Amino acid sequence: MPNLIAALTGDIIKSRKAPPQALEQTFALLQQAAADFGGQRGLDLRFTRNRGDGWQVVLTDPTQCFDAILFVIASLRAGRTGLDTRISAAIAPVDTLGTRDLADASGDAFFIAGDQLDQMPRADQIALAGVSDAHSALVDLAVQIASRWTAAQAQAVAMALLDPAKTHDDIAARLGITRQAVQNRLASAGFGTFNKARAAMRNLTPDTTP
């Protein structure tokens, strides 16, 4: 996918009603999620906070877009701040990734993601542009499943997404629980089904129709 990136733009849901401490904790979780996800894959997501309750990251490997969306959702749910985020993602060309951060980045991917976020119905949490309708529908279904994750399920999912090489025994040791408990959490979260969707998304063909 030459010259294409995935831009993710988001804002915190009901941020104006949130206690300042919870809002700051949520942004800290988002920034850490970006650092962890990118670090594991050798990518610099360049997390940038903007517009008060807004944030933005970039994926120079757009095939990682779906995994990144799931990882952000899981990380916030596991963090138990009581806040969630909307995410507008766009796979499209980029002109520049900016200088120090994404504040001065430009290109279709950033413009589309920003416009899409502004136009999203408040009831929607995720929007994805630049892919087929089938892939977009797949993301919508996955997000509906993810909305039912408990904090414990989300924690296990986040760890499984972060490093696919980690076994259930590795995750169990990190969480201080049994291997069976890890398996139960992932199964209850629908992670097996997610793996099939993740494989399909990694093989996506971007929709470049004007």
N, C-alpha and C. Protein backbone atom coordinates (compact mmCIF):
# COMPACT_ATOMS: atom_id res chain seq x y z
N MET A 1 0.84 -1.19 0.00
CA MET A 1 0.00 0.00 0.00
C MET A 1 0.88 1.25 0.00
N PRO A 2 1.58 1.53 -1.12
CA PRO A 2 2.49 2.67 -1.16
C PRO A 2 1.77 3.99 -0.97
N ASN A 3 2.42 4.89 -0.22
CA ASN A 3 1.94 6.26 0.00
C ASN A 3 0.65 6.32 0.83
N LEU A 4 0.20 5.21 1.37
CA LEU A 4 -1.00 5.21 2.19
C LEU A 4 -0.63 5.03 3.66
N ILE A 5 -1.35 5.74 4.50
CA ILE A 5 -1.20 5.57 5.95
C ILE A 5 -2.60 5.47 6.55
N ALA A 6 -2.67 5.13 7.81
CA ALA A 6 -3.94 5.17 8.54
C ALA A 6 -3.84 6.27 9.59
N ALA A 7 -4.72 7.23 9.50
CA ALA A 7 -4.81 8.29 10.51
C ALA A 7 -5.99 7.99 11.43
N LEU A 8 -5.74 8.00 12.72
CA LEU A 8 -6.79 7.79 13.71
C LEU A 8 -6.97 9.09 14.49
N THR A 9 -8.17 9.61 14.44
CA THR A 9 -8.51 10.83 15.17
C THR A 9 -9.66 10.51 16.12
N GLY A 10 -9.56 10.97 17.35
CA GLY A 10 -10.60 10.64 18.31
C GLY A 10 -10.90 11.78 19.27
N ASP A 11 -11.98 11.62 20.01
CA ASP A 11 -12.28 12.52 21.11
C ASP A 11 -12.93 11.73 22.23
N ILE A 12 -12.83 12.27 23.43
CA ILE A 12 -13.34 11.58 24.61
C ILE A 12 -14.84 11.80 24.74
N ILE A 13 -15.57 10.74 24.92
CA ILE A 13 -17.02 10.80 25.03
C ILE A 13 -17.43 11.44 26.36
N LYS A 14 -18.32 12.41 26.30
CA LYS A 14 -18.83 13.12 27.48
C LYS A 14 -17.71 13.73 28.31
N SER A 15 -16.72 14.28 27.63
CA SER A 15 -15.56 14.82 28.34
C SER A 15 -15.92 16.03 29.22
N ARG A 16 -16.91 16.82 28.79
CA ARG A 16 -17.25 18.02 29.55
C ARG A 16 -17.84 17.71 30.91
N LYS A 17 -18.41 16.52 31.05
CA LYS A 17 -19.01 16.13 32.33
C LYS A 17 -18.04 15.30 33.18
N ALA A 18 -16.86 15.03 32.64
CA ALA A 18 -15.91 14.15 33.32
C ALA A 18 -15.07 14.92 34.34
N PRO A 19 -14.77 14.31 35.48
CA PRO A 19 -13.84 14.94 36.43
C PRO A 19 -12.48 15.13 35.77
N PRO A 20 -11.81 16.24 36.01
CA PRO A 20 -10.52 16.51 35.38
C PRO A 20 -9.52 15.36 35.57
N GLN A 21 -9.50 14.76 36.75
CA GLN A 21 -8.55 13.68 37.00
C GLN A 21 -8.82 12.48 36.10
N ALA A 22 -10.10 12.13 35.93
CA ALA A 22 -10.45 11.00 35.07
C ALA A 22 -10.07 11.29 33.63
N LEU A 23 -10.25 12.54 33.21
CA LEU A 23 -9.92 12.92 31.83
C LEU A 23 -8.41 12.80 31.60
N GLU A 24 -7.62 13.28 32.56
CA GLU A 24 -6.17 13.19 32.42
C GLU A 24 -5.69 11.74 32.45
N GLN A 25 -6.31 10.93 33.29
CA GLN A 25 -5.95 9.51 33.34
C GLN A 25 -6.26 8.83 32.02
N THR A 26 -7.37 9.22 31.40
CA THR A 26 -7.76 8.64 30.12
C THR A 26 -6.76 9.00 29.04
N PHE A 27 -6.32 10.25 29.02
CA PHE A 27 -5.32 10.65 28.04
C PHE A 27 -3.99 9.95 28.29
N ALA A 28 -3.67 9.73 29.56
CA ALA A 28 -2.44 9.01 29.88
C ALA A 28 -2.51 7.57 29.37
N LEU A 29 -3.68 6.96 29.49
CA LEU A 29 -3.87 5.60 28.98
C LEU A 29 -3.76 5.57 27.45
N LEU A 30 -4.35 6.57 26.79
CA LEU A 30 -4.26 6.64 25.33
C LEU A 30 -2.82 6.80 24.86
N GLN A 31 -2.09 7.68 25.52
CA GLN A 31 -0.70 7.91 25.14
C GLN A 31 0.14 6.65 25.37
N GLN A 32 -0.10 5.98 26.50
CA GLN A 32 0.64 4.75 26.78
C GLN A 32 0.27 3.65 25.80
N ALA A 33 -1.00 3.57 25.44
CA ALA A 33 -1.43 2.57 24.47
C ALA A 33 -0.74 2.78 23.14
N ALA A 34 -0.64 4.04 22.71
CA ALA A 34 0.04 4.34 21.45
C ALA A 34 1.51 3.97 21.52
N ALA A 35 2.14 4.28 22.64
CA ALA A 35 3.56 3.96 22.80
C ALA A 35 3.79 2.45 22.82
N ASP A 36 2.93 1.72 23.54
CA ASP A 36 3.09 0.27 23.64
C ASP A 36 2.84 -0.41 22.30
N PHE A 37 1.75 -0.03 21.64
CA PHE A 37 1.39 -0.65 20.37
C PHE A 37 2.46 -0.38 19.32
N GLY A 38 2.87 0.87 19.23
CA GLY A 38 3.89 1.22 18.25
C GLY A 38 5.24 0.60 18.57
N GLY A 39 5.62 0.61 19.84
CA GLY A 39 6.90 0.07 20.23
C GLY A 39 7.03 -1.41 19.93
N GLN A 40 5.93 -2.15 20.10
CA GLN A 40 5.96 -3.58 19.83
C GLN A 40 6.12 -3.87 18.35
N ARG A 41 5.71 -2.93 17.50
CA ARG A 41 5.73 -3.14 16.05
C ARG A 41 6.76 -2.29 15.32
N GLY A 42 7.59 -1.57 16.07
CA GLY A 42 8.59 -0.74 15.44
C GLY A 42 8.02 0.46 14.73
N LEU A 43 6.88 0.97 15.22
CA LEU A 43 6.21 2.13 14.61
C LEU A 43 6.15 3.28 15.59
N ASP A 44 6.27 4.49 15.11
CA ASP A 44 6.09 5.68 15.92
C ASP A 44 4.71 6.25 15.62
N LEU A 45 3.78 6.05 16.53
CA LEU A 45 2.41 6.50 16.30
C LEU A 45 2.24 8.01 16.51
N ARG A 46 3.20 8.65 17.11
CA ARG A 46 3.24 10.10 17.25
C ARG A 46 1.97 10.64 17.92
N PHE A 47 1.61 10.07 19.04
CA PHE A 47 0.40 10.49 19.75
C PHE A 47 0.42 12.01 19.97
N THR A 48 -0.70 12.63 19.58
CA THR A 48 -0.83 14.09 19.70
C THR A 48 -2.19 14.42 20.29
N ARG A 49 -2.19 15.22 21.33
CA ARG A 49 -3.45 15.67 21.92
C ARG A 49 -3.83 17.01 21.30
N ASN A 50 -5.10 17.16 20.96
CA ASN A 50 -5.54 18.41 20.35
C ASN A 50 -6.99 18.71 20.70
N ARG A 51 -7.39 19.93 20.48
CA ARG A 51 -8.78 20.39 20.68
C ARG A 51 -9.32 20.08 22.07
N GLY A 52 -8.48 20.09 23.06
CA GLY A 52 -8.95 19.88 24.43
C GLY A 52 -9.23 18.45 24.76
N ASP A 53 -10.22 17.86 24.09
CA ASP A 53 -10.56 16.46 24.39
C ASP A 53 -10.26 15.56 23.19
N GLY A 54 -9.46 16.07 22.23
CA GLY A 54 -9.16 15.31 21.02
C GLY A 54 -7.76 14.72 21.04
N TRP A 55 -7.56 13.74 20.19
CA TRP A 55 -6.24 13.10 20.08
C TRP A 55 -6.08 12.54 18.66
N GLN A 56 -4.85 12.22 18.31
CA GLN A 56 -4.57 11.73 16.97
C GLN A 56 -3.31 10.86 16.99
N VAL A 57 -3.33 9.80 16.20
CA VAL A 57 -2.14 8.98 15.98
C VAL A 57 -2.07 8.62 14.50
N VAL A 58 -0.92 8.14 14.07
CA VAL A 58 -0.74 7.74 12.69
C VAL A 58 -0.12 6.35 12.65
N LEU A 59 -0.56 5.56 11.69
CA LEU A 59 0.01 4.23 11.45
C LEU A 59 0.58 4.21 10.04
N THR A 60 1.90 4.20 9.93
CA THR A 60 2.51 4.15 8.61
C THR A 60 2.32 2.78 7.97
N ASP A 61 1.92 1.79 8.76
CA ASP A 61 1.51 0.49 8.24
C ASP A 61 0.00 0.39 8.42
N PRO A 62 -0.80 0.73 7.40
CA PRO A 62 -2.25 0.78 7.57
C PRO A 62 -2.90 -0.57 7.82
N THR A 63 -2.18 -1.68 7.56
CA THR A 63 -2.76 -2.99 7.84
C THR A 63 -2.92 -3.22 9.34
N GLN A 64 -2.30 -2.37 10.16
CA GLN A 64 -2.40 -2.49 11.61
C GLN A 64 -3.56 -1.67 12.18
N CYS A 65 -4.36 -1.06 11.31
CA CYS A 65 -5.40 -0.14 11.75
C CYS A 65 -6.43 -0.80 12.67
N PHE A 66 -6.92 -1.96 12.25
CA PHE A 66 -7.97 -2.63 13.03
C PHE A 66 -7.44 -3.06 14.40
N ASP A 67 -6.23 -3.63 14.41
CA ASP A 67 -5.63 -4.03 15.68
C ASP A 67 -5.45 -2.83 16.60
N ALA A 68 -5.05 -1.69 16.02
CA ALA A 68 -4.85 -0.49 16.83
C ALA A 68 -6.15 -0.01 17.44
N ILE A 69 -7.23 -0.03 16.67
CA ILE A 69 -8.53 0.38 17.19
C ILE A 69 -8.95 -0.51 18.35
N LEU A 70 -8.83 -1.82 18.16
CA LEU A 70 -9.20 -2.75 19.23
C LEU A 70 -8.33 -2.55 20.46
N PHE A 71 -7.04 -2.31 20.24
CA PHE A 71 -6.12 -2.15 21.37
C PHE A 71 -6.45 -0.90 22.17
N VAL A 72 -6.79 0.18 21.49
CA VAL A 72 -7.18 1.41 22.19
C VAL A 72 -8.43 1.17 23.03
N ILE A 73 -9.43 0.53 22.42
CA ILE A 73 -10.68 0.25 23.15
C ILE A 73 -10.41 -0.62 24.36
N ALA A 74 -9.62 -1.68 24.18
CA ALA A 74 -9.32 -2.59 25.28
C ALA A 74 -8.53 -1.90 26.38
N SER A 75 -7.57 -1.07 26.00
CA SER A 75 -6.74 -0.39 26.99
C SER A 75 -7.57 0.56 27.86
N LEU A 76 -8.48 1.29 27.23
CA LEU A 76 -9.33 2.20 28.01
C LEU A 76 -10.28 1.43 28.92
N ARG A 77 -10.87 0.36 28.40
CA ARG A 77 -11.79 -0.42 29.22
C ARG A 77 -11.06 -1.05 30.41
N ALA A 78 -9.84 -1.54 30.18
CA ALA A 78 -9.07 -2.14 31.26
C ALA A 78 -8.62 -1.11 32.28
N GLY A 79 -8.47 0.16 31.83
CA GLY A 79 -8.00 1.22 32.71
C GLY A 79 -9.02 1.70 33.72
N ARG A 80 -10.30 1.41 33.50
CA ARG A 80 -11.36 1.69 34.46
C ARG A 80 -11.47 3.17 34.84
N THR A 81 -11.29 4.07 33.87
CA THR A 81 -11.47 5.49 34.19
C THR A 81 -12.93 5.91 34.09
N GLY A 82 -13.75 5.04 33.49
CA GLY A 82 -15.15 5.37 33.29
C GLY A 82 -15.40 6.17 32.03
N LEU A 83 -14.35 6.45 31.26
CA LEU A 83 -14.49 7.23 30.04
C LEU A 83 -14.12 6.38 28.83
N ASP A 84 -14.66 6.74 27.69
CA ASP A 84 -14.39 6.03 26.45
C ASP A 84 -14.12 7.06 25.36
N THR A 85 -13.75 6.58 24.19
CA THR A 85 -13.41 7.49 23.11
C THR A 85 -14.10 7.11 21.82
N ARG A 86 -14.41 8.10 21.00
CA ARG A 86 -14.80 7.85 19.62
C ARG A 86 -13.53 7.80 18.80
N ILE A 87 -13.56 7.04 17.71
CA ILE A 87 -12.39 6.94 16.84
C ILE A 87 -12.84 7.04 15.40
N SER A 88 -12.24 7.97 14.68
CA SER A 88 -12.44 8.08 13.25
C SER A 88 -11.12 7.73 12.58
N ALA A 89 -11.13 6.68 11.76
CA ALA A 89 -9.92 6.22 11.09
C ALA A 89 -10.08 6.37 9.59
N ALA A 90 -9.00 6.75 8.92
CA ALA A 90 -9.02 6.90 7.47
C ALA A 90 -7.73 6.35 6.89
N ILE A 91 -7.87 5.49 5.90
CA ILE A 91 -6.71 4.98 5.17
C ILE A 91 -6.66 5.72 3.83
N ALA A 92 -5.63 6.53 3.68
CA ALA A 92 -5.54 7.42 2.51
C ALA A 92 -4.12 7.95 2.40
N PRO A 93 -3.82 8.67 1.31
CA PRO A 93 -2.47 9.23 1.15
C PRO A 93 -2.17 10.31 2.19
N VAL A 94 -0.88 10.57 2.37
CA VAL A 94 -0.41 11.60 3.29
C VAL A 94 0.60 12.49 2.57
N ASP A 95 0.59 13.77 2.89
CA ASP A 95 1.59 14.70 2.33
C ASP A 95 2.81 14.80 3.25
N THR A 96 2.54 15.06 4.52
CA THR A 96 3.62 15.16 5.50
C THR A 96 3.12 14.71 6.86
N LEU A 97 4.01 14.08 7.62
CA LEU A 97 3.67 13.66 8.98
C LEU A 97 3.99 14.73 10.00
N GLY A 98 4.33 15.91 9.51
CA GLY A 98 4.59 17.01 10.43
C GLY A 98 6.03 17.02 10.91
N THR A 99 6.29 17.87 11.89
CA THR A 99 7.65 18.03 12.40
C THR A 99 7.81 17.30 13.73
N ARG A 100 7.44 17.97 14.82
CA ARG A 100 7.62 17.34 16.14
C ARG A 100 6.50 16.36 16.46
N ASP A 101 5.28 16.69 16.05
CA ASP A 101 4.14 15.80 16.27
C ASP A 101 3.20 15.93 15.08
N LEU A 102 1.93 15.57 15.25
CA LEU A 102 1.00 15.60 14.13
C LEU A 102 0.24 16.92 14.01
N ALA A 103 0.59 17.88 14.83
CA ALA A 103 -0.13 19.16 14.81
C ALA A 103 -0.04 19.84 13.45
N ASP A 104 1.08 19.65 12.75
CA ASP A 104 1.22 20.27 11.44
C ASP A 104 1.31 19.22 10.33
N ALA A 105 0.80 18.02 10.60
CA ALA A 105 0.72 16.99 9.56
C ALA A 105 -0.39 17.34 8.59
N SER A 106 -0.27 16.86 7.35
CA SER A 106 -1.31 17.15 6.37
C SER A 106 -1.40 16.03 5.34
N GLY A 107 -2.52 16.00 4.65
CA GLY A 107 -2.77 14.98 3.65
C GLY A 107 -4.20 14.48 3.77
N ASP A 108 -4.65 13.77 2.76
CA ASP A 108 -6.04 13.31 2.72
C ASP A 108 -6.42 12.49 3.94
N ALA A 109 -5.52 11.64 4.41
CA ALA A 109 -5.85 10.77 5.54
C ALA A 109 -6.27 11.58 6.76
N PHE A 110 -5.54 12.65 7.04
CA PHE A 110 -5.85 13.48 8.21
C PHE A 110 -7.12 14.29 8.00
N PHE A 111 -7.30 14.84 6.79
CA PHE A 111 -8.50 15.63 6.50
C PHE A 111 -9.75 14.76 6.57
N ILE A 112 -9.67 13.57 5.98
CA ILE A 112 -10.84 12.68 5.96
C ILE A 112 -11.19 12.22 7.37
N ALA A 113 -10.17 11.84 8.14
CA ALA A 113 -10.43 11.37 9.51
C ALA A 113 -11.06 12.47 10.35
N GLY A 114 -10.55 13.70 10.21
CA GLY A 114 -11.10 14.81 10.99
C GLY A 114 -12.53 15.15 10.59
N ASP A 115 -12.78 15.24 9.29
CA ASP A 115 -14.14 15.55 8.81
C ASP A 115 -15.12 14.45 9.22
N GLN A 116 -14.67 13.21 9.11
CA GLN A 116 -15.54 12.09 9.46
C GLN A 116 -15.91 12.11 10.94
N LEU A 117 -14.95 12.47 11.80
CA LEU A 117 -15.23 12.57 13.23
C LEU A 117 -16.25 13.66 13.50
N ASP A 118 -16.11 14.78 12.84
CA ASP A 118 -17.06 15.90 13.04
C ASP A 118 -18.47 15.52 12.61
N GLN A 119 -18.58 14.64 11.62
CA GLN A 119 -19.89 14.28 11.08
C GLN A 119 -20.49 13.02 11.70
N MET A 120 -19.72 12.35 12.55
CA MET A 120 -20.22 11.11 13.15
C MET A 120 -21.41 11.37 14.07
N PRO A 121 -22.47 10.57 13.96
CA PRO A 121 -23.55 10.66 14.94
C PRO A 121 -23.02 10.37 16.34
N ARG A 122 -23.53 11.05 17.32
CA ARG A 122 -23.03 10.89 18.68
C ARG A 122 -23.20 9.46 19.19
N ALA A 123 -24.16 8.72 18.62
CA ALA A 123 -24.39 7.35 19.07
C ALA A 123 -23.34 6.38 18.54
N ASP A 124 -22.58 6.81 17.52
CA ASP A 124 -21.56 5.93 16.93
C ASP A 124 -20.23 6.11 17.65
N GLN A 125 -19.46 5.02 17.72
CA GLN A 125 -18.16 5.11 18.38
C GLN A 125 -17.00 5.03 17.38
N ILE A 126 -17.18 4.27 16.31
CA ILE A 126 -16.10 4.04 15.36
C ILE A 126 -16.58 4.34 13.94
N ALA A 127 -15.72 4.97 13.16
CA ALA A 127 -15.97 5.15 11.73
C ALA A 127 -14.65 4.88 11.01
N LEU A 128 -14.74 4.20 9.87
CA LEU A 128 -13.54 3.84 9.12
C LEU A 128 -13.74 4.17 7.66
N ALA A 129 -12.89 5.02 7.13
CA ALA A 129 -12.95 5.41 5.72
C ALA A 129 -11.75 4.86 4.97
N GLY A 130 -11.95 4.66 3.67
CA GLY A 130 -10.86 4.20 2.84
C GLY A 130 -10.80 2.70 2.65
N VAL A 131 -11.85 2.00 3.10
CA VAL A 131 -11.93 0.55 2.92
C VAL A 131 -13.29 0.22 2.32
N SER A 132 -13.48 -1.04 1.97
CA SER A 132 -14.75 -1.46 1.39
C SER A 132 -15.86 -1.42 2.42
N ASP A 133 -17.10 -1.43 1.94
CA ASP A 133 -18.25 -1.46 2.85
C ASP A 133 -18.23 -2.72 3.71
N ALA A 134 -17.75 -3.82 3.14
CA ALA A 134 -17.69 -5.08 3.89
C ALA A 134 -16.73 -4.97 5.07
N HIS A 135 -15.57 -4.37 4.84
CA HIS A 135 -14.61 -4.20 5.92
C HIS A 135 -15.14 -3.23 6.97
N SER A 136 -15.80 -2.18 6.53
CA SER A 136 -16.37 -1.22 7.47
C SER A 136 -17.44 -1.87 8.34
N ALA A 137 -18.26 -2.72 7.73
CA ALA A 137 -19.29 -3.43 8.49
C ALA A 137 -18.66 -4.39 9.49
N LEU A 138 -17.54 -4.99 9.11
CA LEU A 138 -16.82 -5.90 10.00
C LEU A 138 -16.34 -5.15 11.24
N VAL A 139 -15.84 -3.96 11.04
CA VAL A 139 -15.39 -3.15 12.17
C VAL A 139 -16.57 -2.79 13.07
N ASP A 140 -17.69 -2.39 12.49
CA ASP A 140 -18.88 -2.05 13.28
C ASP A 140 -19.31 -3.21 14.16
N LEU A 141 -19.31 -4.42 13.60
CA LEU A 141 -19.72 -5.60 14.35
C LEU A 141 -18.73 -5.88 15.48
N ALA A 142 -17.45 -5.73 15.19
CA ALA A 142 -16.43 -5.98 16.21
C ALA A 142 -16.56 -5.00 17.37
N VAL A 143 -16.85 -3.75 17.06
CA VAL A 143 -16.98 -2.75 18.11
C VAL A 143 -18.20 -3.02 18.98
N GLN A 144 -19.27 -3.53 18.38
CA GLN A 144 -20.45 -3.90 19.16
C GLN A 144 -20.11 -4.99 20.16
N ILE A 145 -19.32 -5.95 19.74
CA ILE A 145 -18.89 -7.03 20.65
C ILE A 145 -17.98 -6.46 21.74
N ALA A 146 -17.05 -5.60 21.34
CA ALA A 146 -16.10 -5.02 22.29
C ALA A 146 -16.80 -4.17 23.35
N SER A 147 -17.94 -3.58 23.00
CA SER A 147 -18.65 -2.72 23.95
C SER A 147 -19.14 -3.50 25.17
N ARG A 148 -19.16 -4.81 25.07
CA ARG A 148 -19.63 -5.65 26.17
C ARG A 148 -18.49 -6.21 27.02
N TRP A 149 -17.25 -5.88 26.68
CA TRP A 149 -16.13 -6.38 27.46
C TRP A 149 -16.16 -5.86 28.89
N THR A 150 -15.86 -6.76 29.82
CA THR A 150 -15.59 -6.32 31.19
C THR A 150 -14.15 -5.82 31.24
N ALA A 151 -13.78 -5.17 32.34
CA ALA A 151 -12.40 -4.69 32.48
C ALA A 151 -11.42 -5.86 32.46
N ALA A 152 -11.79 -6.98 33.09
CA ALA A 152 -10.90 -8.14 33.11
C ALA A 152 -10.73 -8.74 31.72
N GLN A 153 -11.82 -8.83 30.98
CA GLN A 153 -11.73 -9.34 29.61
C GLN A 153 -10.88 -8.41 28.74
N ALA A 154 -11.11 -7.10 28.88
CA ALA A 154 -10.36 -6.12 28.09
C ALA A 154 -8.87 -6.19 28.40
N GLN A 155 -8.53 -6.42 29.65
CA GLN A 155 -7.12 -6.52 30.03
C GLN A 155 -6.45 -7.69 29.33
N ALA A 156 -7.13 -8.84 29.30
CA ALA A 156 -6.57 -10.01 28.63
C ALA A 156 -6.48 -9.79 27.12
N VAL A 157 -7.51 -9.16 26.56
CA VAL A 157 -7.51 -8.88 25.12
C VAL A 157 -6.37 -7.94 24.76
N ALA A 158 -6.17 -6.90 25.57
CA ALA A 158 -5.11 -5.93 25.29
C ALA A 158 -3.74 -6.62 25.27
N MET A 159 -3.51 -7.51 26.21
CA MET A 159 -2.23 -8.20 26.27
C MET A 159 -2.06 -9.15 25.09
N ALA A 160 -3.13 -9.80 24.68
CA ALA A 160 -3.06 -10.71 23.53
C ALA A 160 -2.84 -9.95 22.24
N LEU A 161 -3.45 -8.77 22.13
CA LEU A 161 -3.28 -7.95 20.93
C LEU A 161 -1.89 -7.34 20.85
N LEU A 162 -1.36 -6.94 22.01
CA LEU A 162 -0.09 -6.24 22.02
C LEU A 162 1.04 -7.09 21.45
N ASP A 163 1.10 -8.34 21.89
CA ASP A 163 2.17 -9.22 21.44
C ASP A 163 1.59 -10.58 21.09
N PRO A 164 1.27 -10.82 19.82
CA PRO A 164 0.67 -12.09 19.40
C PRO A 164 1.54 -13.30 19.72
N ALA A 165 2.83 -13.08 19.99
CA ALA A 165 3.71 -14.20 20.31
C ALA A 165 3.52 -14.68 21.74
N LYS A 166 2.88 -13.88 22.58
CA LYS A 166 2.67 -14.29 23.96
C LYS A 166 1.64 -15.42 24.03
N THR A 167 1.96 -16.44 24.82
CA THR A 167 1.05 -17.56 25.01
C THR A 167 0.08 -17.24 26.14
N HIS A 168 -0.92 -18.09 26.28
CA HIS A 168 -1.85 -17.92 27.40
C HIS A 168 -1.12 -18.08 28.73
N ASP A 169 -0.10 -18.91 28.77
CA ASP A 169 0.69 -19.06 29.99
C ASP A 169 1.44 -17.76 30.31
N ASP A 170 1.97 -17.09 29.27
CA ASP A 170 2.66 -15.82 29.48
C ASP A 170 1.71 -14.77 30.06
N ILE A 171 0.52 -14.69 29.48
CA ILE A 171 -0.46 -13.71 29.95
C ILE A 171 -0.90 -14.03 31.37
N ALA A 172 -1.09 -15.32 31.65
CA ALA A 172 -1.49 -15.75 33.00
C ALA A 172 -0.45 -15.35 34.02
N ALA A 173 0.83 -15.55 33.68
CA ALA A 173 1.91 -15.20 34.61
C ALA A 173 1.94 -13.70 34.87
N ARG A 174 1.71 -12.92 33.83
CA ARG A 174 1.73 -11.46 33.97
C ARG A 174 0.56 -10.97 34.82
N LEU A 175 -0.59 -11.60 34.67
CA LEU A 175 -1.79 -11.16 35.40
C LEU A 175 -1.93 -11.82 36.76
N GLY A 176 -1.14 -12.86 37.00
CA GLY A 176 -1.23 -13.56 38.28
C GLY A 176 -2.48 -14.41 38.41
N ILE A 177 -2.93 -14.96 37.26
CA ILE A 177 -4.10 -15.82 37.26
C ILE A 177 -3.74 -17.13 36.55
N THR A 178 -4.68 -18.06 36.48
CA THR A 178 -4.40 -19.34 35.85
C THR A 178 -4.55 -19.23 34.32
N ARG A 179 -3.94 -20.20 33.65
CA ARG A 179 -4.07 -20.27 32.20
C ARG A 179 -5.53 -20.43 31.80
N GLN A 180 -6.27 -21.24 32.56
CA GLN A 180 -7.68 -21.45 32.27
C GLN A 180 -8.47 -20.15 32.40
N ALA A 181 -8.10 -19.33 33.39
CA ALA A 181 -8.80 -18.05 33.57
C ALA A 181 -8.56 -17.13 32.37
N VAL A 182 -7.33 -17.15 31.85
CA VAL A 182 -7.03 -16.36 30.66
C VAL A 182 -7.86 -16.84 29.47
N GLN A 183 -7.90 -18.15 29.28
CA GLN A 183 -8.68 -18.72 28.19
C GLN A 183 -10.15 -18.34 28.31
N ASN A 184 -10.67 -18.38 29.54
CA ASN A 184 -12.08 -18.04 29.76
C ASN A 184 -12.35 -16.57 29.44
N ARG A 185 -11.43 -15.70 29.85
CA ARG A 185 -11.61 -14.27 29.58
C ARG A 185 -11.59 -13.99 28.08
N LEU A 186 -10.65 -14.58 27.38
CA LEU A 186 -10.55 -14.35 25.93
C LEU A 186 -11.74 -14.95 25.19
N ALA A 187 -12.16 -16.13 25.62
CA ALA A 187 -13.32 -16.76 24.98
C ALA A 187 -14.58 -15.94 25.20
N SER A 188 -14.77 -15.44 26.43
CA SER A 188 -15.95 -14.63 26.73
C SER A 188 -15.93 -13.32 25.97
N ALA A 189 -14.72 -12.84 25.67
CA ALA A 189 -14.58 -11.59 24.91
C ALA A 189 -14.74 -11.80 23.41
N GLY A 190 -14.87 -13.06 22.99
CA GLY A 190 -15.01 -13.36 21.57
C GLY A 190 -13.71 -13.22 20.80
N PHE A 191 -12.58 -13.45 21.47
CA PHE A 191 -11.30 -13.18 20.84
C PHE A 191 -11.01 -14.10 19.66
N GLY A 192 -11.51 -15.32 19.69
CA GLY A 192 -11.30 -16.22 18.56
C GLY A 192 -11.93 -15.68 17.28
N THR A 193 -13.13 -15.14 17.41
CA THR A 193 -13.79 -14.52 16.26
C THR A 193 -13.05 -13.27 15.81
N PHE A 194 -12.56 -12.50 16.78
CA PHE A 194 -11.80 -11.31 16.45
C PHE A 194 -10.56 -11.66 15.64
N ASN A 195 -9.93 -12.78 15.94
CA ASN A 195 -8.72 -13.16 15.20
C ASN A 195 -9.01 -13.35 13.72
N LYS A 196 -10.16 -13.91 13.39
CA LYS A 196 -10.54 -14.08 11.98
C LYS A 196 -10.77 -12.71 11.34
N ALA A 197 -11.42 -11.82 12.06
CA ALA A 197 -11.66 -10.48 11.53
C ALA A 197 -10.35 -9.73 11.37
N ARG A 198 -9.42 -9.90 12.30
CA ARG A 198 -8.12 -9.24 12.23
C ARG A 198 -7.36 -9.69 10.99
N ALA A 199 -7.42 -11.00 10.71
CA ALA A 199 -6.73 -11.51 9.53
C ALA A 199 -7.31 -10.91 8.26
N ALA A 200 -8.64 -10.80 8.22
CA ALA A 200 -9.29 -10.21 7.05
C ALA A 200 -8.90 -8.75 6.88
N MET A 201 -8.82 -8.01 7.98
CA MET A 201 -8.48 -6.60 7.90
C MET A 201 -7.03 -6.38 7.51
N ARG A 202 -6.15 -7.28 7.92
CA ARG A 202 -4.74 -7.14 7.55
C ARG A 202 -4.54 -7.36 6.05
N ASN A 203 -5.49 -8.05 5.42
CA ASN A 203 -5.40 -8.31 3.98
C ASN A 203 -6.30 -7.38 3.17
N LEU A 204 -6.74 -6.29 3.79
CA LEU A 204 -7.69 -5.41 3.13
C LEU A 204 -7.07 -4.73 1.91
N THR A 205 -7.93 -4.41 0.99
CA THR A 205 -7.55 -3.61 -0.18
C THR A 205 -8.23 -2.25 -0.04
N PRO A 206 -7.46 -1.20 0.17
CA PRO A 206 -8.07 0.12 0.39
C PRO A 206 -8.97 0.53 -0.78
N ASP A 207 -10.04 1.18 -0.43
CA ASP A 207 -10.96 1.73 -1.45
C ASP A 207 -10.45 3.12 -1.82
N THR A 208 -9.94 3.26 -3.02
CA THR A 208 -9.39 4.53 -3.46
C THR A 208 -10.33 5.29 -4.37
N THR A 209 -11.61 4.89 -4.37
CA THR A 209 -12.59 5.59 -5.20
C THR A 209 -12.75 7.03 -4.71
N PRO A 210 -12.69 8.00 -5.57
CA PRO A 210 -12.83 9.41 -5.15
C PRO A 210 -14.16 9.65 -4.47
